[in-house]
Protein backbone atom coordinates (compact mmCIF):
# COMPACT_ATOMS: atom_id res chain seq x y z
CA MET A 1 24.27 -58.12 -20.49
CA ARG A 2 22.31 -57.53 -17.31
CA ALA A 3 18.52 -57.56 -17.63
CA TYR A 4 16.73 -54.24 -17.21
CA ALA A 5 13.26 -53.39 -15.98
CA ALA A 6 10.63 -53.38 -18.71
CA TYR A 7 10.64 -50.17 -20.76
CA PHE A 8 7.78 -49.56 -23.20
CA PRO A 9 7.18 -45.79 -23.46
CA ASP A 10 4.62 -46.21 -26.27
CA GLN A 11 2.55 -48.79 -24.37
CA SER A 12 -1.15 -47.87 -24.22
CA PHE A 13 -3.43 -48.50 -21.25
CA LEU A 14 -6.20 -51.03 -21.65
CA LEU A 15 -8.27 -48.90 -19.24
CA PRO A 16 -7.31 -45.25 -18.64
CA PRO A 17 -5.93 -44.71 -15.10
CA SER A 18 -7.36 -42.11 -12.76
CA LEU A 19 -5.15 -39.04 -12.57
CA ALA A 20 -5.49 -39.10 -8.78
CA ASP A 21 -3.77 -42.52 -8.74
CA LEU A 22 -0.72 -41.04 -10.48
CA ILE A 23 -0.17 -38.30 -7.86
CA PRO A 24 1.82 -38.94 -4.64
CA ALA A 25 -0.42 -39.13 -1.59
CA GLY A 26 1.21 -36.14 0.15
CA ASP A 27 0.85 -33.75 -2.76
CA PRO A 28 -0.82 -30.49 -1.64
CA VAL A 29 -3.23 -30.69 -4.59
CA PHE A 30 -5.61 -32.93 -2.60
CA PHE A 31 -5.58 -30.57 0.38
CA LEU A 32 -6.06 -27.59 -1.94
CA ARG A 33 -9.08 -29.16 -3.59
CA GLU A 34 -10.75 -29.68 -0.20
CA VAL A 35 -10.01 -26.11 0.93
CA ILE A 36 -11.34 -24.50 -2.24
CA ALA A 37 -14.62 -26.38 -1.79
CA LYS A 38 -14.99 -24.73 1.64
CA LEU A 39 -14.38 -21.16 0.46
CA ASP A 40 -17.23 -18.72 -0.05
CA LEU A 41 -16.97 -17.70 -3.72
CA GLU A 42 -20.21 -15.74 -3.87
CA ALA A 43 -18.30 -12.59 -4.89
CA PHE A 44 -17.06 -14.41 -8.01
CA HIS A 45 -20.44 -15.96 -8.86
CA ARG A 46 -22.16 -12.58 -8.53
CA VAL A 47 -20.10 -11.16 -11.40
CA TYR A 48 -21.06 -13.99 -13.77
CA ARG A 49 -24.82 -13.97 -13.12
CA ALA A 50 -25.72 -11.24 -15.59
CA GLU A 51 -23.49 -12.47 -18.40
CA ARG A 52 -24.46 -14.19 -21.60
CA GLY A 53 -22.56 -16.27 -24.10
CA ARG A 54 -20.28 -19.23 -23.63
CA PRO A 55 -20.20 -20.61 -20.06
CA PRO A 56 -17.09 -19.40 -18.21
CA TYR A 57 -14.68 -21.61 -16.30
CA ASP A 58 -15.74 -22.37 -12.75
CA PRO A 59 -14.05 -19.97 -10.25
CA GLN A 60 -12.98 -23.03 -8.23
CA LEU A 61 -11.01 -24.22 -11.25
CA MET A 62 -9.32 -20.86 -11.87
CA LEU A 63 -8.51 -20.20 -8.20
CA GLY A 64 -7.16 -23.71 -7.80
CA LEU A 65 -4.89 -23.12 -10.78
CA TYR A 66 -3.53 -19.85 -9.35
CA LEU A 67 -3.04 -21.25 -5.85
CA TYR A 68 -1.39 -24.45 -7.01
CA GLY A 69 0.79 -22.54 -9.44
CA ALA A 70 2.06 -20.29 -6.63
CA MET A 71 2.84 -23.37 -4.55
CA ARG A 72 4.90 -24.63 -7.50
CA ARG A 73 6.75 -21.29 -8.02
CA THR A 74 4.74 -20.62 -11.19
CA TYR A 75 3.11 -17.20 -11.57
CA SER A 76 3.14 -16.38 -15.29
CA SER A 77 -0.15 -16.90 -17.15
CA ARG A 78 1.68 -18.69 -19.97
CA ARG A 79 3.43 -21.05 -17.54
CA LEU A 80 0.14 -21.77 -15.77
CA ALA A 81 -1.44 -22.64 -19.11
CA GLU A 82 1.47 -25.01 -19.72
CA LEU A 83 0.92 -26.66 -16.32
CA CYS A 84 -2.64 -27.51 -17.38
CA GLN A 85 -1.21 -29.53 -20.27
CA ARG A 86 1.88 -31.11 -18.73
CA ASP A 87 1.55 -31.39 -14.93
CA VAL A 88 -0.49 -34.39 -13.78
CA ALA A 89 -1.48 -32.84 -10.45
CA CYS A 90 -2.58 -29.64 -12.13
CA MET A 91 -4.51 -31.58 -14.79
CA TYR A 92 -6.33 -33.37 -11.96
CA LEU A 93 -7.07 -30.11 -10.15
CA VAL A 94 -8.55 -28.35 -13.21
CA GLY A 95 -10.42 -31.45 -14.41
CA ARG A 96 -8.37 -31.70 -17.64
CA ALA A 97 -9.53 -28.23 -18.70
CA GLN A 98 -7.04 -26.21 -20.76
CA PRO A 99 -7.71 -22.48 -20.38
CA ASP A 100 -5.39 -20.41 -22.57
CA PHE A 101 -3.09 -17.79 -21.09
CA HIS A 102 -5.38 -14.94 -22.19
CA THR A 103 -8.23 -16.38 -20.11
CA ILE A 104 -5.94 -16.96 -17.13
CA SER A 105 -4.55 -13.43 -17.27
CA GLU A 106 -7.98 -11.82 -17.69
CA PHE A 107 -9.35 -13.70 -14.67
CA ARG A 108 -6.57 -12.33 -12.48
CA GLN A 109 -7.18 -8.79 -13.69
CA ARG A 110 -10.95 -9.00 -13.46
CA PHE A 111 -11.12 -10.50 -9.98
CA THR A 112 -8.21 -8.65 -8.36
CA GLN A 113 -10.05 -7.63 -5.18
CA GLU A 114 -12.04 -10.87 -4.93
CA MET A 115 -8.84 -12.92 -4.98
CA ALA A 116 -7.30 -10.68 -2.32
CA GLY A 117 -10.42 -11.22 -0.20
CA LEU A 118 -9.59 -14.92 0.14
CA PHE A 119 -6.85 -14.01 2.65
CA VAL A 120 -9.28 -13.52 5.53
CA GLN A 121 -11.20 -16.72 4.70
CA VAL A 122 -8.02 -18.81 4.78
CA LEU A 123 -6.90 -17.03 7.94
CA LYS A 124 -10.18 -18.08 9.58
CA LEU A 125 -9.45 -21.70 8.63
CA CYS A 126 -6.04 -21.35 10.28
CA GLN A 127 -7.71 -19.96 13.40
CA GLU A 128 -10.12 -22.89 13.52
CA ALA A 129 -7.14 -25.25 13.28
CA GLY A 130 -5.50 -23.53 16.27
CA LEU A 131 -2.65 -21.97 14.30
CA VAL A 132 -3.46 -18.35 15.23
CA ARG A 133 -2.95 -17.83 18.94
CA LEU A 134 -1.93 -14.15 18.95
CA GLY A 135 0.43 -14.78 21.84
CA HIS A 136 3.21 -12.96 20.01
CA ILE A 137 3.10 -11.10 16.69
CA SER A 138 6.15 -9.89 14.77
CA LEU A 139 5.95 -7.18 12.13
CA ASP A 140 8.43 -6.42 9.38
CA GLY A 141 8.63 -5.14 5.82
CA THR A 142 10.55 -6.29 2.78
CA LYS A 143 11.30 -4.48 -0.45
CA LEU A 144 9.96 -6.24 -3.55
CA ARG A 145 10.94 -5.08 -7.03
CA ALA A 146 8.23 -3.42 -9.06
CA ASN A 147 7.49 -4.46 -12.64
CA ALA A 148 9.45 -1.44 -13.82
CA SER A 149 13.06 -0.39 -14.28
CA LYS A 150 14.59 2.39 -12.21
CA HIS A 151 16.14 3.63 -15.46
CA LYS A 152 12.64 4.50 -16.67
CA ALA A 153 12.36 7.15 -13.94
CA MET A 154 13.13 10.84 -14.44
CA SER A 155 13.55 13.77 -12.06
CA TYR A 156 11.38 16.88 -12.29
CA GLY A 157 14.38 19.04 -13.21
CA ARG A 158 15.32 16.68 -16.02
CA MET A 159 11.71 16.69 -17.23
CA LEU A 160 11.76 20.47 -17.52
CA GLU A 161 14.94 20.29 -19.54
CA LYS A 162 13.73 17.48 -21.81
CA GLU A 163 10.29 19.02 -22.30
CA TRP A 164 11.84 22.23 -23.62
CA SER A 165 14.29 20.28 -25.81
CA PHE A 166 11.68 17.93 -27.31
CA GLU A 167 9.12 20.70 -27.79
CA ALA A 168 11.66 22.85 -29.63
CA GLU A 169 12.68 19.87 -31.77
CA VAL A 170 9.09 18.94 -32.63
CA GLN A 171 8.19 22.54 -33.47
CA GLY A 172 11.27 22.70 -35.68
CA TRP A 173 10.13 19.60 -37.57
CA ILE A 174 6.66 21.06 -38.07
CA ALA A 175 8.07 24.35 -39.36
CA GLU A 176 10.40 22.50 -41.68
CA GLY A 177 7.50 20.36 -42.94
CA ILE A 178 5.48 23.46 -43.74
CA ARG A 179 8.39 25.03 -45.60
CA GLU A 180 9.07 21.89 -47.60
CA ASP A 181 5.37 21.44 -48.34
CA LYS A 182 5.21 24.88 -49.90
CA ALA A 183 8.44 24.45 -51.84
CA GLU A 184 8.05 20.86 -52.97
CA ASN A 185 4.32 20.22 -53.02
CA ASP A 186 4.60 18.04 -56.12
CA GLU A 187 6.81 15.55 -54.30
CA HIS A 188 4.11 14.70 -51.74
CA GLY A 189 1.77 11.86 -52.63
CA PRO A 190 -2.01 12.26 -52.72
CA ASP A 191 -2.35 10.56 -49.31
CA ASP A 192 0.20 12.80 -47.56
CA ASP A 193 -1.19 16.07 -46.25
CA GLY A 194 2.29 17.50 -45.84
CA TRP A 195 1.63 18.36 -42.18
CA SER A 196 1.93 15.01 -40.40
CA LEU A 197 5.18 14.04 -38.75
CA PRO A 198 7.19 11.31 -40.51
CA PRO A 199 7.07 7.94 -38.69
CA GLU A 200 10.67 8.30 -37.45
CA PHE A 201 9.68 11.47 -35.55
CA GLU A 202 6.62 10.01 -33.80
CA GLU A 203 8.74 8.54 -30.99
CA LYS A 204 9.92 11.98 -29.85
CA GLU A 205 6.34 13.26 -29.78
CA ARG A 206 5.26 10.22 -27.76
CA ARG A 207 8.09 10.77 -25.25
CA LEU A 208 7.15 14.44 -24.97
CA GLU A 209 3.59 13.42 -24.02
CA LYS A 210 4.93 11.02 -21.36
CA ILE A 211 7.17 13.72 -19.89
CA ARG A 212 4.29 16.16 -19.69
CA ALA A 213 2.14 13.52 -17.97
CA GLY A 214 4.97 12.80 -15.50
CA LYS A 215 5.32 16.50 -14.73
CA ALA A 216 1.61 16.83 -14.10
CA ARG A 217 1.74 13.77 -11.83
CA LEU A 218 4.53 15.21 -9.65
CA GLU A 219 2.87 18.62 -9.52
CA GLY A 220 -0.38 17.00 -8.44
CA LEU A 221 1.37 15.07 -5.63
CA VAL A 222 2.99 18.26 -4.35
CA ARG A 223 -0.35 20.07 -4.33
CA GLU A 224 -2.02 17.17 -2.47
CA LYS A 225 0.68 17.17 0.22
CA ALA A 226 0.37 20.95 0.58
CA ILE A 227 -3.39 20.66 1.13
CA GLU A 228 -2.88 17.87 3.70
CA LYS A 229 -0.48 20.11 5.64
CA GLY A 230 -2.77 23.14 5.42
CA ARG A 231 -0.54 25.11 3.06
CA ASP A 232 -1.46 27.01 -0.09
CA PRO A 233 -0.97 24.54 -3.00
CA GLU A 234 -0.43 27.39 -5.48
CA THR A 235 2.74 28.50 -3.71
CA GLU A 236 4.32 25.04 -3.58
CA THR A 237 7.06 24.08 -6.04
CA VAL A 238 8.22 20.63 -7.10
CA PRO A 239 11.80 19.80 -6.00
CA GLU A 240 14.04 19.28 -9.02
CA LYS A 241 15.17 15.88 -7.68
CA ALA A 242 11.61 14.55 -7.24
CA GLN A 243 11.21 11.49 -9.48
CA THR A 244 8.43 9.51 -11.12
CA ASN A 245 8.57 6.29 -13.08
CA PHE A 246 7.01 6.14 -16.54
CA THR A 247 6.36 2.37 -16.45
CA ASP A 248 4.81 2.09 -12.97
CA PRO A 249 4.23 5.57 -11.55
CA ALA A 250 3.06 4.21 -8.18
CA SER A 251 6.39 2.46 -7.46
CA ARG A 252 9.31 4.27 -5.81
CA ILE A 253 13.11 4.14 -5.71
CA MET A 254 14.01 2.28 -2.48
CA LYS A 255 17.20 1.01 -0.92
CA THR A 256 17.56 -2.79 -0.90
CA ALA A 257 20.31 -5.25 -0.04
CA ASP A 258 21.33 -5.15 -3.72
CA GLY A 259 21.39 -1.36 -3.96
CA PHE A 260 18.69 1.05 -5.02
CA GLY A 261 15.81 -0.26 -7.14
CA GLN A 262 12.27 0.47 -8.28
CA CYS A 263 10.27 -1.20 -5.51
CA TYR A 264 7.26 -1.48 -3.24
CA ASN A 265 7.35 -2.01 0.53
CA ALA A 266 5.53 -5.25 1.42
CA GLN A 267 4.46 -5.65 5.06
CA ALA A 268 3.52 -8.80 6.98
CA ALA A 269 2.47 -9.41 10.59
CA VAL A 270 3.23 -13.01 11.57
CA ASP A 271 2.07 -15.19 14.46
CA ALA A 272 5.14 -16.51 16.27
CA SER A 273 3.55 -19.86 17.18
CA SER A 274 2.95 -21.00 13.59
CA GLN A 275 4.44 -18.44 11.15
CA VAL A 276 0.92 -17.77 9.86
CA ILE A 277 0.53 -14.28 8.38
CA VAL A 278 -2.31 -12.48 10.17
CA ALA A 279 -2.10 -9.14 8.30
CA ALA A 280 -0.53 -8.03 5.03
CA GLU A 281 -0.32 -4.86 2.96
CA VAL A 282 1.82 -3.06 0.38
CA SER A 283 2.95 0.55 0.54
CA ASN A 284 4.92 2.72 -1.86
CA ALA A 285 6.58 4.54 1.04
CA ALA A 286 10.03 3.19 1.89
CA PRO A 287 10.02 3.87 5.68
CA ASP A 288 8.32 1.27 7.88
CA VAL A 289 7.50 3.57 10.77
CA GLN A 290 4.15 4.73 9.35
CA ARG A 291 2.87 1.18 8.76
CA LEU A 292 2.71 -0.09 12.35
CA ARG A 293 -0.66 1.36 13.32
CA PRO A 294 -2.48 0.39 10.08
CA MET A 295 -1.09 -3.14 10.37
CA LEU A 296 -2.09 -3.36 14.04
CA GLU A 297 -5.63 -2.32 13.12
CA GLN A 298 -5.70 -4.93 10.37
CA VAL A 299 -4.63 -7.66 12.80
CA HIS A 300 -7.57 -6.75 15.04
CA LYS A 301 -9.96 -6.57 12.08
CA ASN A 302 -8.85 -9.93 10.65
CA THR A 303 -8.74 -11.90 13.90
CA GLY A 304 -11.01 -9.99 16.27
CA HIS A 305 -8.22 -9.52 18.85
CA PHE A 306 -5.00 -7.66 19.51
CA PRO A 307 -1.91 -9.80 20.23
CA ASP A 308 -0.60 -10.22 23.77
CA ALA A 309 2.96 -9.38 22.71
CA PHE A 310 4.51 -7.61 19.73
CA SER A 311 8.02 -7.20 18.31
CA ALA A 312 9.53 -5.17 15.49
CA ASP A 313 12.88 -3.75 14.47
CA ALA A 314 14.10 -0.17 14.83
CA GLY A 315 12.40 0.90 11.62
CA TYR A 316 9.10 1.06 13.54
CA ALA A 317 10.39 3.02 16.53
CA SER A 318 8.45 6.22 17.19
CA GLU A 319 6.71 7.77 20.15
CA ALA A 320 3.36 7.62 18.34
CA ASN A 321 3.77 3.87 17.70
CA PHE A 322 4.82 3.17 21.30
CA THR A 323 1.74 5.05 22.51
CA ALA A 324 -0.60 3.13 20.17
CA LEU A 325 0.76 -0.20 21.44
CA ALA A 326 0.43 0.91 25.06
CA GLU A 327 -3.16 2.05 24.52
CA ALA A 328 -3.99 -1.38 23.05
CA ASP A 329 -2.45 -2.98 26.18
CA ILE A 330 0.16 -4.89 24.13
CA TYR A 331 3.53 -5.88 25.58
CA ALA A 332 5.79 -4.54 22.82
CA VAL A 333 9.53 -4.73 22.23
CA ILE A 334 10.85 -2.51 19.44
CA ALA A 335 14.55 -1.83 18.97
CA LEU A 336 15.55 1.80 19.45
CA ARG A 337 18.66 1.76 17.27
CA ARG A 338 20.35 -0.34 14.64
CA TYR A 339 22.61 -3.06 15.94
CA HIS A 340 24.62 -5.83 14.33
CA ARG A 341 24.49 -9.60 14.47
CA ASP A 342 23.62 -10.91 17.96
CA GLU A 343 24.34 -7.70 19.84
CA PRO A 344 21.34 -7.13 22.15
CA PRO A 345 19.02 -4.24 21.25
CA ALA A 346 20.05 -2.35 24.36
CA ALA A 347 19.36 1.22 25.32
CA ASP A 348 20.03 4.16 23.08
CA PRO A 349 21.53 7.30 24.63
CA ALA A 350 19.39 8.82 27.34
CA PRO A 351 16.75 10.96 25.65
CA LYS A 352 16.01 14.55 26.50
CA ARG A 353 12.87 15.07 28.51
CA SER A 354 10.33 17.56 27.19
CA SER A 355 6.91 17.68 28.87
CA GLY A 356 6.68 13.88 29.02
CA ARG A 357 7.30 13.53 25.28
CA TRP A 358 9.79 10.71 25.74
CA LEU A 359 7.84 8.77 28.34
CA GLN A 360 7.00 5.75 26.16
CA ARG A 361 10.47 5.68 24.63
CA GLU A 362 12.00 5.50 28.11
CA VAL A 363 9.65 2.64 29.00
CA MET A 364 10.73 0.81 25.84
CA ARG A 365 14.40 1.40 26.58
CA ASP A 366 14.06 -0.01 30.07
CA ARG A 367 12.06 -3.00 28.79
CA LEU A 368 14.71 -3.91 26.20
CA GLY A 369 17.30 -4.09 28.95
CA THR A 370 15.44 -6.85 30.82
CA ASP A 371 15.85 -10.58 30.22
CA GLU A 372 12.14 -10.84 29.35
CA GLY A 373 12.44 -8.06 26.79
CA LYS A 374 15.51 -9.57 25.18
CA ALA A 375 13.85 -13.00 24.95
CA ALA A 376 10.73 -11.47 23.38
CA TYR A 377 12.78 -9.54 20.83
CA LYS A 378 14.69 -12.66 19.78
CA LEU A 379 11.40 -14.19 18.59
CA ARG A 380 11.30 -11.65 15.75
CA LYS A 381 14.19 -13.23 13.87
CA GLN A 382 12.58 -16.67 13.90
CA THR A 383 9.07 -15.42 13.15
CA VAL A 384 8.75 -12.86 10.38
CA GLU A 385 12.15 -12.95 8.64
CA PRO A 386 11.89 -16.69 7.73
CA VAL A 387 8.46 -15.99 6.17
CA PHE A 388 10.00 -13.51 3.74
CA GLY A 389 12.69 -16.08 2.97
CA GLN A 390 10.06 -18.73 2.21
CA ILE A 391 8.15 -16.41 -0.13
CA LYS A 392 11.20 -15.01 -1.91
CA ALA A 393 13.52 -18.01 -2.01
CA ALA A 394 11.43 -21.16 -1.59
CA ARG A 395 8.57 -19.93 -3.77
CA GLY A 396 10.71 -17.73 -6.00
CA PHE A 397 8.71 -14.51 -5.81
CA ARG A 398 11.07 -11.53 -5.88
CA GLN A 399 9.30 -9.18 -8.26
CA PHE A 400 5.69 -8.18 -8.77
CA LEU A 401 4.11 -9.16 -12.07
CA ARG A 402 1.52 -6.41 -12.11
CA ARG A 403 1.67 -2.62 -11.93
CA GLY A 404 -0.07 -0.04 -9.79
CA LEU A 405 -0.59 -0.04 -6.01
CA PRO A 406 -4.05 -1.75 -6.00
CA ALA A 407 -2.81 -4.56 -8.28
CA VAL A 408 0.44 -5.27 -6.40
CA SER A 409 -1.41 -5.08 -3.05
CA ALA A 410 -3.78 -7.80 -4.23
CA GLU A 411 -0.84 -9.81 -5.57
CA TRP A 412 1.00 -9.65 -2.24
CA THR A 413 -2.14 -10.57 -0.29
CA PHE A 414 -2.66 -13.56 -2.58
CA LEU A 415 0.94 -14.72 -1.95
CA CYS A 416 0.33 -14.47 1.79
CA THR A 417 -2.82 -16.55 1.33
CA VAL A 418 -0.77 -19.26 -0.40
CA HIS A 419 1.78 -19.13 2.43
CA ASN A 420 -0.96 -19.66 5.03
CA LEU A 421 -2.45 -22.53 3.03
CA LEU A 422 0.88 -24.33 3.05
CA LYS A 423 1.24 -23.79 6.80
CA LEU A 424 -2.28 -25.14 7.30
CA GLN A 425 -1.61 -28.17 5.13
CA LYS A 426 1.61 -28.97 6.99
CA ALA A 427 -0.11 -28.65 10.37
CA LEU A 428 -3.03 -30.89 9.40
CA ALA A 429 -0.70 -33.48 7.87
CA ALA A 430 1.19 -33.71 11.16
CA VAL A 431 -1.99 -34.49 13.12
């Protein structure tokens, strides 16, 4: 029999090895530890100053755990707690601490905005490393599933129907309970008042309360929109097909590559030279066209400059957006119609002129027909679309874990922070 290499799984160490010696030299955990030490965590420390009781875990430890977990495609609090016990690199990063999943989850909920605020700090580090040049920025949106099922949504018309049905059913049970209480009082125990609904009927009452809350939510949204448009909110009616979701009311039904789903619209503006994300946000509106100007303002706020050039697909095409880009003196190329595969984003049919209304659109149409415009537009496919692929496929994030627009916005911003950290680590490793 051929001799094998020594195999003694129960062998103990005479002297315990350093965990750092057991981790490959190129592991991002070493880079991550250095970066976290450079971050300004005053916002986290400020929260802990007035507290008493057992000392909390250091914010560096908790942030390192979240960041490293995202790099390893691990987002669940329970899975992160498991990493602290089983993954050598993670054990090194957290200093052998073993926070339970309750602690991990509560930290994420408590410091939602503080964690989102790390995006700008990491972006500044990327700028210092020369990764943010703002020569060309590409903007796009991707639909990410909400932590809710589309089957938990209901239209306003259906709510009206169900509300009447459930209310009649509940009132019938109450009336029947009163009748039976009078007729068969001796059969009720001393702890039963004869008025309360039996446990099997409580579910219907709970659903009735949810339907009424959903109705009020839709009615409130209609009134808000009426006020914004200068109309009388009392005269507005809710369309019967208007829907709300009972699990995550802030999410919306949106069209995706896999059909319609309960989603949010995640936006990212990406630097073409390095694929670093320079602005990020989440919206619960499916169309992209309204997000261009807020994202452009965020790019300027985060970096201090507007880009020299800008590209986006036809979802962002509007006269107002073209005007905003022109006023910022940005060379922009935005497709004016949908096209397939490698067909150039050439001119759409000649627009009608109306008091100069189509001036910027005509400029864009002419620009897209030039060789320079076509070359600039091609950068979009190799800039922003691969970033979404890296986040969704490489790092396995296709659905938000949290609910509500503020929570998912912070979650998306944190994912973009992780993406930028990995780009920074790769760039510094190549030096």
